[in-house]
Protein backbone atom coordinates (compact mmCIF):
# COMPACT_ATOMS: atom_id res chain seq x y z
CA UNK A 1 7.67 18.18 5.24
CA UNK A 2 5.55 17.61 8.54
CA UNK A 3 5.52 14.35 10.48
CA UNK A 4 7.25 11.59 11.84
CA UNK A 5 10.96 11.58 11.17
CA UNK A 6 13.52 8.31 11.65
CA UNK A 7 16.72 10.27 10.31
CA UNK A 8 20.10 8.08 9.61
CA UNK A 9 22.09 8.50 12.86
CA UNK A 10 24.31 11.82 11.17
CA UNK A 11 24.65 13.24 8.14
CA UNK A 12 28.07 10.97 6.80
CA UNK A 13 25.92 7.68 7.40
CA UNK A 14 22.34 9.39 5.54
CA UNK A 15 24.83 10.52 2.79
CA UNK A 16 26.75 7.02 2.01
CA UNK A 17 22.95 5.57 2.13
CA UNK A 18 21.77 7.68 -0.37
CA UNK A 19 24.57 6.61 -2.38
CA UNK A 20 24.70 3.50 -1.91
CA UNK A 21 20.85 2.90 -3.41
CA UNK A 22 21.95 4.57 -6.16
CA UNK A 23 24.68 1.91 -6.92
CA UNK A 24 22.04 -0.29 -6.07
CA UNK A 25 20.28 0.06 -8.74
CA UNK A 26 22.67 1.27 -11.45
CA UNK A 27 23.73 -2.53 -10.73
CA UNK A 28 20.17 -3.70 -10.66
CA UNK A 29 20.01 -2.44 -14.30
CA UNK A 30 16.81 -0.02 -13.21
CA UNK A 31 18.99 3.05 -13.41
CA UNK A 32 21.08 4.59 -16.59
CA UNK A 33 23.00 6.79 -16.52
CA UNK A 34 22.00 10.44 -15.21
CA UNK A 35 18.53 9.46 -15.33
CA UNK A 36 17.80 8.62 -11.99
CA UNK A 37 17.77 10.18 -8.65
CA UNK A 38 17.54 10.19 -4.91
CA UNK A 39 16.48 11.91 -1.72
CA UNK A 40 16.78 10.86 1.78
CA UNK A 41 14.73 13.51 4.55
CA UNK A 42 17.29 14.95 7.07
CA UNK A 43 17.23 17.97 9.01
CA UNK A 44 20.64 19.71 9.28
CA UNK A 45 21.13 21.89 12.23
CA UNK A 46 17.09 21.81 13.57
CA UNK A 47 15.66 22.77 9.88
CA UNK A 48 13.87 20.51 7.58
CA UNK A 49 15.20 19.22 4.98
CA UNK A 50 16.49 16.68 1.89
CA UNK A 51 19.36 14.99 1.27
CA UNK A 52 19.17 14.72 -2.91
CA UNK A 53 21.65 13.58 -5.73
CA UNK A 54 22.97 16.50 -7.76
CA UNK A 55 21.79 17.18 -11.21
CA UNK A 56 23.26 15.03 -14.26
CA UNK A 57 24.34 12.47 -11.04
CA UNK A 58 25.98 9.30 -12.55
CA UNK A 59 26.23 6.39 -9.96
CA UNK A 60 29.21 5.03 -11.28
CA UNK A 61 30.91 8.83 -10.31
CA UNK A 62 28.61 9.76 -7.81
CA UNK A 63 30.19 10.31 -4.09
CA UNK A 64 29.00 11.33 -1.19
CA UNK A 65 30.67 14.33 -0.83
CA UNK A 66 28.20 15.38 -4.05
CA UNK A 67 25.33 15.53 -2.40
CA UNK A 68 22.83 18.03 -2.44
CA UNK A 69 21.09 20.00 1.30
CA UNK A 70 17.89 21.46 -0.15
CA UNK A 71 15.61 22.96 2.71
CA UNK A 72 11.80 22.66 3.20
CA UNK A 73 12.32 26.83 2.62
CA UNK A 74 14.11 26.01 -0.53
CA UNK A 75 17.74 26.81 0.59
CA UNK A 76 20.34 25.11 -0.48
CA UNK A 77 24.03 23.85 0.24
CA UNK A 78 26.75 21.22 -1.66
CA UNK A 79 28.80 21.90 -4.77
CA UNK A 80 26.72 21.09 -7.45
CA UNK A 81 23.04 21.90 -8.02
CA UNK A 82 20.09 19.88 -6.69
CA UNK A 83 18.31 17.17 -9.27
CA UNK A 84 16.11 18.73 -11.80
CA UNK A 85 13.24 16.32 -9.76
CA UNK A 86 13.98 18.40 -6.51
CA UNK A 87 9.97 19.32 -6.85
CA UNK A 88 9.08 16.02 -6.81
CA UNK A 89 10.61 14.71 -3.99
CA UNK A 90 9.80 17.28 -1.74
CA UNK A 91 6.20 16.95 -3.08
CA UNK A 92 6.46 13.12 -2.19
CA UNK A 93 7.83 13.92 1.16
CA UNK A 94 5.45 16.53 2.53
CA UNK A 95 2.51 14.28 0.98
CA UNK A 96 3.92 11.05 2.97
CA UNK A 97 4.95 12.37 6.35
CA UNK A 98 5.91 8.77 7.38
CA UNK A 99 8.23 7.96 4.14
CA UNK A 100 11.99 9.44 4.76
CA UNK A 101 14.24 7.99 1.17
CA UNK A 102 12.10 8.85 -2.13
CA UNK A 103 13.57 6.86 -5.56
CA UNK A 104 12.91 7.69 -9.00
CA UNK A 105 14.11 6.06 -12.23
CA UNK A 106 13.31 5.06 -15.87
CA UNK A 107 13.16 1.28 -15.00
CA UNK A 108 12.92 -0.18 -18.61
CA UNK A 109 9.71 -1.98 -17.22
CA UNK A 110 7.68 0.44 -15.44
CA UNK A 111 8.75 3.08 -17.80
CA UNK A 112 7.65 0.33 -20.91
CA UNK A 113 4.08 -0.02 -18.95
CA UNK A 114 3.43 3.84 -18.44
CA UNK A 115 4.19 4.38 -21.86
CA UNK A 116 0.76 2.38 -23.09
CA UNK A 117 -1.22 4.26 -20.22
CA UNK A 118 -1.77 1.95 -18.30
CA UNK A 119 -1.69 1.86 -14.36
CA UNK A 120 -0.24 -1.44 -12.60
CA UNK A 121 -4.04 -3.58 -11.87
CA UNK A 122 -3.98 -5.63 -9.16
CA UNK A 123 -3.45 -8.93 -11.67
CA UNK A 124 -0.81 -10.37 -8.44
CA UNK A 125 -1.45 -10.26 -4.97
CA UNK A 126 2.16 -8.89 -4.52
CA UNK A 127 1.05 -4.88 -6.44
CA UNK A 128 0.01 -4.64 -2.47
CA UNK A 129 3.78 -4.42 -1.76
CA UNK A 130 2.82 -0.49 -3.43
CA UNK A 131 -0.08 -0.07 -0.33
CA UNK A 132 -3.38 -0.62 -2.00
CA UNK A 133 -4.90 -2.49 -4.76
CA UNK A 134 -3.21 -0.78 -8.45
CA UNK A 135 -0.23 1.48 -8.75
CA UNK A 136 -1.72 4.20 -10.21
CA UNK A 137 0.10 6.16 -13.40
CA UNK A 138 0.88 10.16 -12.95
CA UNK A 139 -0.58 12.26 -15.82
CA UNK A 140 2.19 12.91 -18.31
CA UNK A 141 4.07 16.32 -17.23
CA UNK A 142 7.60 18.07 -18.36
CA UNK A 143 10.40 16.29 -15.90
CA UNK A 144 11.14 19.11 -12.55
CA UNK A 145 7.39 20.24 -13.27
CA UNK A 146 5.46 21.58 -10.57
CA UNK A 147 2.34 19.96 -12.66
CA UNK A 148 4.31 16.49 -12.53
CA UNK A 149 5.92 17.23 -8.50
CA UNK A 150 2.16 17.46 -7.81
CA UNK A 151 0.76 14.35 -9.53
CA UNK A 152 3.62 12.15 -7.86
CA UNK A 153 2.27 13.74 -4.47
CA UNK A 154 -1.23 12.73 -4.81
CA UNK A 155 -0.88 9.23 -6.20
CA UNK A 156 1.55 9.04 -3.16
CA UNK A 157 -0.61 10.01 -0.65
CA UNK A 158 -2.40 6.31 -0.71
CA UNK A 159 0.49 4.38 -2.26
CA UNK A 160 3.88 3.84 -1.57
CA UNK A 161 5.02 3.61 -5.00
CA UNK A 162 3.35 5.24 -8.29
CA UNK A 163 4.24 4.44 -12.82
CA UNK A 164 4.35 8.13 -14.74
CA UNK A 165 3.48 8.63 -18.10
CA UNK A 166 5.86 8.46 -20.61
CA UNK A 167 8.68 8.88 -17.90
CA UNK A 168 9.51 6.57 -15.36
CA UNK A 169 8.37 5.81 -11.57
CA UNK A 170 8.77 6.61 -7.83
CA UNK A 171 8.57 5.02 -4.54
CA UNK A 172 8.89 6.01 -1.55
CA UNK A 173 9.97 3.89 1.47
CA UNK A 174 9.91 4.60 5.39
CA UNK A 175 13.87 3.78 4.83
CA UNK A 176 15.97 4.36 2.04
CA UNK A 177 16.20 0.09 2.04
CA UNK A 178 12.03 0.30 1.89
CA UNK A 179 12.35 2.61 -0.90
CA UNK A 180 14.89 0.24 -2.97
CA UNK A 181 12.84 -3.10 -1.94
CA UNK A 182 9.48 -1.17 -3.26
CA UNK A 183 11.09 -0.09 -6.16
CA UNK A 184 12.41 -3.95 -7.09
CA UNK A 185 9.14 -5.03 -6.63
CA UNK A 186 7.25 -2.94 -8.71
CA UNK A 187 9.40 -3.36 -11.31
CA UNK A 188 9.71 -6.92 -11.53
CA UNK A 189 5.77 -6.81 -11.29
CA UNK A 190 5.65 -4.45 -14.18
CA UNK A 191 7.98 -6.69 -16.11
CA UNK A 192 4.96 -10.20 -15.68
CA UNK A 193 2.23 -7.67 -16.33
CA UNK A 194 3.73 -7.25 -19.82
CA UNK A 195 4.39 -10.59 -20.44
CA UNK A 196 0.29 -11.66 -19.44
CA UNK A 197 -0.97 -8.77 -21.32
CA UNK A 198 1.20 -10.70 -24.40
CA UNK A 199 -0.30 -13.69 -23.69
CA UNK A 200 -4.42 -12.18 -23.32
CA UNK A 201 -6.02 -10.82 -20.53
CA UNK A 202 -4.90 -10.84 -17.25
CA UNK A 203 -7.24 -11.58 -14.36
CA UNK A 204 -7.54 -9.15 -11.79
CA UNK A 205 -7.71 -9.99 -7.98
CA UNK A 206 -10.48 -8.19 -6.70
CA UNK A 207 -10.67 -5.13 -3.79
CA UNK A 208 -11.75 -7.59 -0.77
CA UNK A 209 -8.89 -9.99 -1.56
CA UNK A 210 -6.26 -6.96 -2.07
CA UNK A 211 -7.69 -5.67 1.64
CA UNK A 212 -7.00 -8.53 2.77
CA UNK A 213 -3.44 -8.90 1.31
CA UNK A 214 -2.67 -5.13 2.76
CA UNK A 215 -3.88 -5.53 6.20
CA UNK A 216 -1.40 -9.12 6.17
CA UNK A 217 1.49 -6.65 4.81
CA UNK A 218 1.68 -4.40 7.54
CA UNK A 219 2.89 -7.12 9.98
CA UNK A 220 4.71 -9.33 7.49
CA UNK A 221 8.52 -10.34 7.76
CA UNK A 222 10.61 -12.07 10.60
CA UNK A 223 9.55 -13.05 13.47
CA UNK A 224 10.66 -14.39 16.74
CA UNK A 225 9.38 -17.64 17.98
CA UNK A 226 7.78 -18.25 21.11
């Protein structure tokens, strides 16, 4: 996992940010029980790696001390085994050197759309939040498999989110807050798209307009006047 890194100030802060994200997803109904997982790029004693939720973790009982550290070299430290989706998270972070946080959930509407075999097209300009003119669909592969990890890595090289066929979705961000915001927005867009499909055939914005929106999103945000 090479490239630009902006790690948390210390490990305690990093761990708390992962736990907070999992609890937020649970509170919003985007995650249930032990289905989701989260990781944060974190170097320990100069060794690159990531902090990740343990396998079978439930947000309601998850504690900062429960997180696992998995090194790029395969080393593992922690009281529990890391998430079975560790290969997915490692592949995503390798594919996006600018990203530090990765989230994976079985959010209902994103999962439902993925089960239809559809990607999320540019039916709404906010699809650009994922970095392009769609949120791509990764073909089905068994959970925890290298095939799934490589499919996610390929999708995320040009996007910040992807759907997983018959599975769920993944988002990546420079910070955990950004990965969470993208996850929330994509799930909302999937819900709206499914509603639009039920009403008819949604119109799709063209590539030129979506490219313009992506560029505008590059410097979008609060700005001081003067």
